[in-house]
Amino acid sequence: MNLFQGEELLSESDNKNVTLTTIRVRQVEKSWGSSHVKSIILEHVTSCERKYSSYYILLILGIAGVSGGIGSEQSGLVLLGLLCFIVYFFTVRNVIRISSPSAKIDINSRRMKKQVALDFINRVEKAINDRKL
């Protein structure tokens, strides 16, 4: 990322996909045959949030299926329970969302500790506050 005159790097993700500077937040996503760049100027940030969601019902059904299937020796029920476990772990979402009126940056924070995610949000909010002073 090319910095503007007077712009300083404040934080950068380990994989270099997300960058926080004294002027903006930028996300670069690359996948097979495509690339997407989102940039939000700090003055336009309207909210920062950490969102966690999952389908606990799948976890409960998985436990019930496996324990019920083992207790009654029904392999089909055990397989259904294991399938519910697998689907549950693929549906867990943990993101940091930075929003502006026209764009949203969603940062996958699934493998990030809660405190690290909150520290990043605090850095964004501090950078916004410093811009206003």
N, C-alpha and C. Protein backbone atom coordinates (compact mmCIF):
# COMPACT_ATOMS: atom_id res chain seq x y z
N MET A 1 0.84 -1.17 0.00
CA MET A 1 0.00 0.00 0.00
C MET A 1 0.89 1.24 0.00
N ASN A 2 0.58 2.16 -0.87
CA ASN A 2 1.31 3.42 -0.91
C ASN A 2 0.68 4.41 0.07
N LEU A 3 1.49 4.93 0.96
CA LEU A 3 0.99 5.88 1.95
C LEU A 3 0.99 7.29 1.39
N PHE A 4 -0.02 8.08 1.81
CA PHE A 4 -0.08 9.48 1.43
C PHE A 4 0.97 10.26 2.22
N GLN A 5 1.24 11.46 1.78
CA GLN A 5 2.17 12.32 2.50
C GLN A 5 1.60 12.59 3.91
N GLY A 6 2.38 12.35 4.94
CA GLY A 6 1.96 12.56 6.32
C GLY A 6 1.19 11.39 6.92
N GLU A 7 0.87 10.38 6.12
CA GLU A 7 0.14 9.21 6.62
C GLU A 7 1.13 8.23 7.25
N GLU A 8 0.74 7.65 8.39
CA GLU A 8 1.59 6.70 9.10
C GLU A 8 0.86 5.39 9.29
N LEU A 9 1.60 4.30 9.22
CA LEU A 9 1.06 2.96 9.45
C LEU A 9 0.89 2.77 10.95
N LEU A 10 -0.33 2.41 11.38
CA LEU A 10 -0.59 2.17 12.79
C LEU A 10 -0.65 0.69 13.13
N SER A 11 -1.23 -0.09 12.22
CA SER A 11 -1.40 -1.52 12.47
C SER A 11 -1.58 -2.25 11.16
N GLU A 12 -1.13 -3.50 11.14
CA GLU A 12 -1.28 -4.31 9.94
C GLU A 12 -1.47 -5.76 10.37
N SER A 13 -2.37 -6.46 9.71
CA SER A 13 -2.60 -7.87 10.05
C SER A 13 -1.38 -8.70 9.66
N ASP A 14 -1.28 -9.87 10.26
CA ASP A 14 -0.15 -10.76 9.98
C ASP A 14 -0.05 -11.12 8.51
N ASN A 15 -1.20 -11.32 7.86
CA ASN A 15 -1.20 -11.70 6.45
C ASN A 15 -1.22 -10.49 5.51
N LYS A 16 -1.11 -9.27 6.08
CA LYS A 16 -1.05 -8.01 5.32
C LYS A 16 -2.33 -7.69 4.57
N ASN A 17 -3.45 -8.35 4.91
CA ASN A 17 -4.73 -8.10 4.25
C ASN A 17 -5.44 -6.86 4.77
N VAL A 18 -5.20 -6.51 6.03
CA VAL A 18 -5.88 -5.37 6.64
C VAL A 18 -4.83 -4.41 7.16
N THR A 19 -5.00 -3.13 6.81
CA THR A 19 -4.05 -2.09 7.21
C THR A 19 -4.81 -0.93 7.82
N LEU A 20 -4.33 -0.46 8.97
CA LEU A 20 -4.87 0.72 9.62
C LEU A 20 -3.79 1.79 9.61
N THR A 21 -4.13 2.96 9.09
CA THR A 21 -3.18 4.07 9.07
C THR A 21 -3.82 5.26 9.80
N THR A 22 -3.12 6.35 9.84
CA THR A 22 -3.64 7.55 10.48
C THR A 22 -4.75 8.20 9.65
N ILE A 23 -4.98 7.71 8.43
CA ILE A 23 -6.00 8.29 7.55
C ILE A 23 -7.11 7.31 7.17
N ARG A 24 -6.82 6.02 7.07
CA ARG A 24 -7.80 5.08 6.53
C ARG A 24 -7.61 3.66 7.05
N VAL A 25 -8.64 2.85 6.78
CA VAL A 25 -8.59 1.41 7.00
C VAL A 25 -8.72 0.78 5.63
N ARG A 26 -7.86 -0.17 5.32
CA ARG A 26 -7.90 -0.81 4.00
C ARG A 26 -7.85 -2.32 4.15
N GLN A 27 -8.67 -2.99 3.31
CA GLN A 27 -8.67 -4.44 3.26
C GLN A 27 -8.43 -4.87 1.82
N VAL A 28 -7.52 -5.80 1.63
CA VAL A 28 -7.24 -6.37 0.32
C VAL A 28 -7.54 -7.86 0.39
N GLU A 29 -8.46 -8.31 -0.44
CA GLU A 29 -8.81 -9.72 -0.50
C GLU A 29 -8.41 -10.27 -1.85
N LYS A 30 -7.71 -11.38 -1.83
CA LYS A 30 -7.31 -12.04 -3.07
C LYS A 30 -7.73 -13.49 -2.99
N SER A 31 -8.29 -13.98 -4.08
CA SER A 31 -8.63 -15.38 -4.19
C SER A 31 -8.40 -15.80 -5.64
N TRP A 32 -8.75 -17.00 -5.95
CA TRP A 32 -8.51 -17.55 -7.28
C TRP A 32 -9.10 -16.66 -8.36
N GLY A 33 -8.26 -15.95 -9.05
CA GLY A 33 -8.69 -15.16 -10.19
C GLY A 33 -9.40 -13.86 -9.88
N SER A 34 -9.39 -13.43 -8.63
CA SER A 34 -10.04 -12.16 -8.31
C SER A 34 -9.30 -11.42 -7.20
N SER A 35 -9.56 -10.13 -7.15
CA SER A 35 -8.95 -9.28 -6.14
C SER A 35 -9.95 -8.19 -5.79
N HIS A 36 -10.02 -7.84 -4.51
CA HIS A 36 -10.98 -6.83 -4.07
C HIS A 36 -10.30 -5.95 -3.03
N VAL A 37 -10.36 -4.64 -3.23
CA VAL A 37 -9.77 -3.69 -2.30
C VAL A 37 -10.88 -2.79 -1.77
N LYS A 38 -10.98 -2.70 -0.44
CA LYS A 38 -11.93 -1.80 0.21
C LYS A 38 -11.12 -0.85 1.08
N SER A 39 -11.46 0.42 1.02
CA SER A 39 -10.77 1.42 1.81
C SER A 39 -11.81 2.39 2.36
N ILE A 40 -11.71 2.66 3.66
CA ILE A 40 -12.62 3.61 4.30
C ILE A 40 -11.78 4.68 4.99
N ILE A 41 -12.03 5.92 4.65
CA ILE A 41 -11.37 7.04 5.31
C ILE A 41 -11.91 7.12 6.75
N LEU A 42 -11.04 7.35 7.72
CA LEU A 42 -11.44 7.30 9.13
C LEU A 42 -12.59 8.23 9.47
N GLU A 43 -12.67 9.40 8.83
CA GLU A 43 -13.77 10.32 9.10
C GLU A 43 -15.13 9.75 8.71
N HIS A 44 -15.13 8.74 7.84
CA HIS A 44 -16.38 8.16 7.37
C HIS A 44 -16.78 6.89 8.11
N VAL A 45 -15.95 6.44 9.04
CA VAL A 45 -16.30 5.25 9.81
C VAL A 45 -17.45 5.60 10.76
N THR A 46 -18.54 4.83 10.66
CA THR A 46 -19.69 5.08 11.52
C THR A 46 -19.80 4.08 12.66
N SER A 47 -19.19 2.88 12.50
CA SER A 47 -19.23 1.91 13.59
C SER A 47 -18.16 0.85 13.42
N CYS A 48 -17.77 0.28 14.56
CA CYS A 48 -16.85 -0.86 14.61
C CYS A 48 -17.52 -1.89 15.52
N GLU A 49 -17.56 -3.13 15.08
CA GLU A 49 -18.18 -4.15 15.91
C GLU A 49 -17.47 -5.49 15.76
N ARG A 50 -17.57 -6.28 16.79
CA ARG A 50 -17.10 -7.66 16.75
C ARG A 50 -18.33 -8.52 16.85
N LYS A 51 -18.53 -9.38 15.89
CA LYS A 51 -19.75 -10.19 15.85
C LYS A 51 -19.39 -11.67 15.81
N TYR A 52 -20.01 -12.41 16.72
CA TYR A 52 -19.85 -13.87 16.78
C TYR A 52 -21.22 -14.50 16.59
N SER A 53 -21.32 -15.47 15.72
CA SER A 53 -22.58 -16.17 15.55
C SER A 53 -22.32 -17.64 15.22
N SER A 54 -23.24 -18.47 15.71
CA SER A 54 -23.17 -19.90 15.40
C SER A 54 -24.56 -20.49 15.57
N TYR A 55 -24.73 -21.68 15.11
CA TYR A 55 -26.00 -22.39 15.22
C TYR A 55 -25.86 -23.46 16.30
N TYR A 56 -26.13 -23.05 17.55
CA TYR A 56 -25.98 -23.97 18.68
C TYR A 56 -26.88 -25.19 18.57
N ILE A 57 -27.98 -25.06 17.87
CA ILE A 57 -28.89 -26.19 17.71
C ILE A 57 -28.19 -27.37 17.04
N LEU A 58 -27.27 -27.07 16.12
CA LEU A 58 -26.53 -28.14 15.46
C LEU A 58 -25.62 -28.86 16.44
N LEU A 59 -25.02 -28.11 17.36
CA LEU A 59 -24.17 -28.71 18.38
C LEU A 59 -25.00 -29.61 19.30
N ILE A 60 -26.17 -29.13 19.70
CA ILE A 60 -27.05 -29.91 20.57
C ILE A 60 -27.53 -31.16 19.85
N LEU A 61 -27.94 -31.02 18.58
CA LEU A 61 -28.37 -32.18 17.81
C LEU A 61 -27.23 -33.18 17.62
N GLY A 62 -26.02 -32.67 17.45
CA GLY A 62 -24.86 -33.55 17.31
C GLY A 62 -24.61 -34.37 18.56
N ILE A 63 -24.66 -33.71 19.71
CA ILE A 63 -24.47 -34.42 20.98
C ILE A 63 -25.58 -35.45 21.19
N ALA A 64 -26.82 -35.03 20.93
CA ALA A 64 -27.95 -35.95 21.10
C ALA A 64 -27.85 -37.13 20.13
N GLY A 65 -27.48 -36.86 18.90
CA GLY A 65 -27.38 -37.93 17.91
C GLY A 65 -26.30 -38.93 18.22
N VAL A 66 -25.12 -38.43 18.59
CA VAL A 66 -24.01 -39.33 18.89
C VAL A 66 -24.30 -40.13 20.15
N SER A 67 -24.73 -39.46 21.22
CA SER A 67 -24.98 -40.18 22.47
C SER A 67 -26.18 -41.13 22.34
N GLY A 68 -27.23 -40.70 21.64
CA GLY A 68 -28.37 -41.58 21.43
C GLY A 68 -28.05 -42.75 20.53
N GLY A 69 -27.25 -42.51 19.51
CA GLY A 69 -26.87 -43.57 18.59
C GLY A 69 -25.96 -44.59 19.22
N ILE A 70 -25.03 -44.13 20.08
CA ILE A 70 -24.13 -45.07 20.76
C ILE A 70 -24.91 -45.89 21.78
N GLY A 71 -25.82 -45.22 22.50
CA GLY A 71 -26.61 -45.91 23.52
C GLY A 71 -27.53 -46.96 22.93
N SER A 72 -28.07 -46.70 21.76
CA SER A 72 -29.01 -47.66 21.15
C SER A 72 -28.37 -48.44 20.01
N GLU A 73 -27.08 -48.26 19.83
CA GLU A 73 -26.32 -48.96 18.79
C GLU A 73 -26.89 -48.74 17.38
N GLN A 74 -27.28 -47.50 17.09
CA GLN A 74 -27.78 -47.15 15.76
C GLN A 74 -26.72 -46.31 15.06
N SER A 75 -26.04 -46.91 14.11
CA SER A 75 -24.94 -46.22 13.43
C SER A 75 -25.43 -45.03 12.60
N GLY A 76 -26.64 -45.10 12.08
CA GLY A 76 -27.18 -43.98 11.31
C GLY A 76 -27.34 -42.73 12.15
N LEU A 77 -27.76 -42.90 13.38
CA LEU A 77 -27.93 -41.78 14.30
C LEU A 77 -26.58 -41.19 14.69
N VAL A 78 -25.59 -42.05 14.86
CA VAL A 78 -24.23 -41.58 15.17
C VAL A 78 -23.69 -40.76 14.00
N LEU A 79 -23.88 -41.24 12.78
CA LEU A 79 -23.41 -40.52 11.60
C LEU A 79 -24.13 -39.18 11.45
N LEU A 80 -25.42 -39.15 11.72
CA LEU A 80 -26.17 -37.90 11.66
C LEU A 80 -25.65 -36.91 12.71
N GLY A 81 -25.36 -37.41 13.90
CA GLY A 81 -24.80 -36.57 14.96
C GLY A 81 -23.45 -36.02 14.57
N LEU A 82 -22.59 -36.85 13.98
CA LEU A 82 -21.27 -36.39 13.53
C LEU A 82 -21.40 -35.36 12.42
N LEU A 83 -22.36 -35.57 11.53
CA LEU A 83 -22.60 -34.60 10.46
C LEU A 83 -23.03 -33.25 11.04
N CYS A 84 -23.87 -33.26 12.07
CA CYS A 84 -24.29 -32.02 12.73
C CYS A 84 -23.09 -31.31 13.35
N PHE A 85 -22.18 -32.07 13.98
CA PHE A 85 -20.95 -31.48 14.53
C PHE A 85 -20.14 -30.79 13.45
N ILE A 86 -19.93 -31.48 12.34
CA ILE A 86 -19.11 -30.93 11.25
C ILE A 86 -19.74 -29.66 10.69
N VAL A 87 -21.05 -29.70 10.43
CA VAL A 87 -21.74 -28.53 9.89
C VAL A 87 -21.67 -27.37 10.88
N TYR A 88 -21.81 -27.67 12.18
CA TYR A 88 -21.72 -26.62 13.21
C TYR A 88 -20.39 -25.87 13.10
N PHE A 89 -19.29 -26.59 13.02
CA PHE A 89 -17.98 -25.93 13.00
C PHE A 89 -17.74 -25.13 11.71
N PHE A 90 -18.43 -25.49 10.63
CA PHE A 90 -18.30 -24.71 9.40
C PHE A 90 -19.22 -23.48 9.39
N THR A 91 -20.20 -23.42 10.30
CA THR A 91 -21.12 -22.29 10.31
C THR A 91 -20.77 -21.24 11.36
N VAL A 92 -19.76 -21.49 12.18
CA VAL A 92 -19.36 -20.50 13.18
C VAL A 92 -18.73 -19.31 12.45
N ARG A 93 -19.23 -18.10 12.75
CA ARG A 93 -18.70 -16.88 12.15
C ARG A 93 -18.22 -15.96 13.26
N ASN A 94 -17.06 -15.39 13.05
CA ASN A 94 -16.49 -14.45 14.01
C ASN A 94 -15.82 -13.36 13.18
N VAL A 95 -16.42 -12.17 13.15
CA VAL A 95 -15.90 -11.10 12.31
C VAL A 95 -15.81 -9.78 13.06
N ILE A 96 -14.89 -8.96 12.60
CA ILE A 96 -14.82 -7.56 12.99
C ILE A 96 -15.36 -6.79 11.80
N ARG A 97 -16.37 -5.96 12.04
CA ARG A 97 -16.97 -5.18 10.96
C ARG A 97 -16.71 -3.70 11.20
N ILE A 98 -16.14 -3.06 10.19
CA ILE A 98 -15.94 -1.61 10.20
C ILE A 98 -16.85 -1.06 9.12
N SER A 99 -17.76 -0.16 9.51
CA SER A 99 -18.80 0.32 8.59
C SER A 99 -18.68 1.81 8.33
N SER A 100 -19.07 2.16 7.12
CA SER A 100 -19.25 3.56 6.73
C SER A 100 -20.60 3.60 6.02
N PRO A 101 -21.10 4.78 5.68
CA PRO A 101 -22.39 4.84 4.98
C PRO A 101 -22.39 4.08 3.64
N SER A 102 -21.22 3.94 3.00
CA SER A 102 -21.21 3.33 1.67
C SER A 102 -20.46 2.00 1.58
N ALA A 103 -19.73 1.62 2.62
CA ALA A 103 -18.95 0.38 2.53
C ALA A 103 -18.85 -0.29 3.89
N LYS A 104 -18.59 -1.59 3.86
CA LYS A 104 -18.35 -2.36 5.08
C LYS A 104 -17.11 -3.20 4.86
N ILE A 105 -16.25 -3.22 5.85
CA ILE A 105 -15.09 -4.10 5.82
C ILE A 105 -15.32 -5.18 6.87
N ASP A 106 -15.41 -6.44 6.43
CA ASP A 106 -15.55 -7.57 7.32
C ASP A 106 -14.23 -8.31 7.40
N ILE A 107 -13.68 -8.37 8.61
CA ILE A 107 -12.40 -9.02 8.83
C ILE A 107 -12.67 -10.34 9.55
N ASN A 108 -12.28 -11.44 8.94
CA ASN A 108 -12.46 -12.74 9.57
C ASN A 108 -11.56 -12.82 10.80
N SER A 109 -12.19 -12.96 11.97
CA SER A 109 -11.40 -13.02 13.21
C SER A 109 -11.63 -14.35 13.92
N ARG A 110 -11.91 -15.38 13.15
CA ARG A 110 -12.22 -16.70 13.72
C ARG A 110 -11.06 -17.26 14.54
N ARG A 111 -9.85 -17.07 14.08
CA ARG A 111 -8.69 -17.60 14.79
C ARG A 111 -8.02 -16.56 15.69
N MET A 112 -8.68 -15.42 15.84
CA MET A 112 -8.12 -14.32 16.61
C MET A 112 -8.70 -14.38 18.04
N LYS A 113 -7.85 -14.19 19.02
CA LYS A 113 -8.34 -14.13 20.39
C LYS A 113 -9.22 -12.91 20.57
N LYS A 114 -10.18 -13.00 21.47
CA LYS A 114 -11.15 -11.93 21.70
C LYS A 114 -10.44 -10.62 22.03
N GLN A 115 -9.42 -10.67 22.89
CA GLN A 115 -8.73 -9.45 23.31
C GLN A 115 -7.98 -8.81 22.14
N VAL A 116 -7.42 -9.60 21.25
CA VAL A 116 -6.72 -9.07 20.08
C VAL A 116 -7.72 -8.33 19.17
N ALA A 117 -8.90 -8.91 18.99
CA ALA A 117 -9.93 -8.27 18.18
C ALA A 117 -10.37 -6.95 18.82
N LEU A 118 -10.58 -6.97 20.13
CA LEU A 118 -10.99 -5.74 20.83
C LEU A 118 -9.88 -4.68 20.78
N ASP A 119 -8.62 -5.12 20.87
CA ASP A 119 -7.50 -4.17 20.77
C ASP A 119 -7.48 -3.50 19.39
N PHE A 120 -7.78 -4.27 18.33
CA PHE A 120 -7.81 -3.69 17.00
C PHE A 120 -8.92 -2.64 16.89
N ILE A 121 -10.10 -2.98 17.41
CA ILE A 121 -11.21 -2.02 17.40
C ILE A 121 -10.82 -0.77 18.17
N ASN A 122 -10.17 -0.94 19.31
CA ASN A 122 -9.71 0.22 20.09
C ASN A 122 -8.72 1.08 19.31
N ARG A 123 -7.83 0.44 18.53
CA ARG A 123 -6.87 1.19 17.71
C ARG A 123 -7.59 2.01 16.64
N VAL A 124 -8.61 1.41 16.04
CA VAL A 124 -9.39 2.14 15.03
C VAL A 124 -10.08 3.34 15.67
N GLU A 125 -10.72 3.12 16.81
CA GLU A 125 -11.42 4.21 17.49
C GLU A 125 -10.45 5.31 17.94
N LYS A 126 -9.28 4.91 18.41
CA LYS A 126 -8.29 5.91 18.82
C LYS A 126 -7.79 6.71 17.61
N ALA A 127 -7.58 6.04 16.49
CA ALA A 127 -7.14 6.73 15.28
C ALA A 127 -8.20 7.74 14.81
N ILE A 128 -9.48 7.35 14.93
CA ILE A 128 -10.56 8.28 14.56
C ILE A 128 -10.54 9.48 15.49
N ASN A 129 -10.40 9.22 16.77
CA ASN A 129 -10.38 10.31 17.76
C ASN A 129 -9.18 11.24 17.53
N ASP A 130 -8.02 10.66 17.24
CA ASP A 130 -6.82 11.47 16.99
C ASP A 130 -6.97 12.33 15.75
N ARG A 131 -7.71 11.84 14.74
CA ARG A 131 -7.94 12.63 13.51
C ARG A 131 -8.79 13.86 13.80
N LYS A 132 -9.71 13.71 14.75
CA LYS A 132 -10.64 14.80 15.05
C LYS A 132 -10.00 15.88 15.93
N LEU A 133 -8.91 15.53 16.60
CA LEU A 133 -8.26 16.53 17.48
C LEU A 133 -7.38 17.48 16.71
